[in-house]
Amino acid sequence: MGLQYARADSFRPLQLANTGTAERCFVIGAHLQYSNLQVARIILPGLAHAEAFILPGATHFLRMEKPRDMAAALSAFYRRYPLTV
């Protein structure tokens, strides 16, 4: 079938993101470019059940720049919202 791309005027990511009831951890690097932080500020309020965490000292490559801090943030999130099967 191959990759499919949505046209910008027809793509509705917030509608797709709000289809479930699971908690979401929205992690962004504190040192992202200004435009990326602005996008995050626009997207976050539209996400149901979302919790934001700003990772100090990181940009886009969170797991490579701050692996221990990223792991700690995710561990804390999963302790608050345990995965169930």
Foldseek 3Di string as FASTA:
>chain_A
DDDDDDDPVPDDVLVVQAPDQAAAEAEAEPPEPPVVVVVCVVNVVSHPNYDYDYHYPDYHPCCVRPVVSVVVVVVVVCVVPPDDD
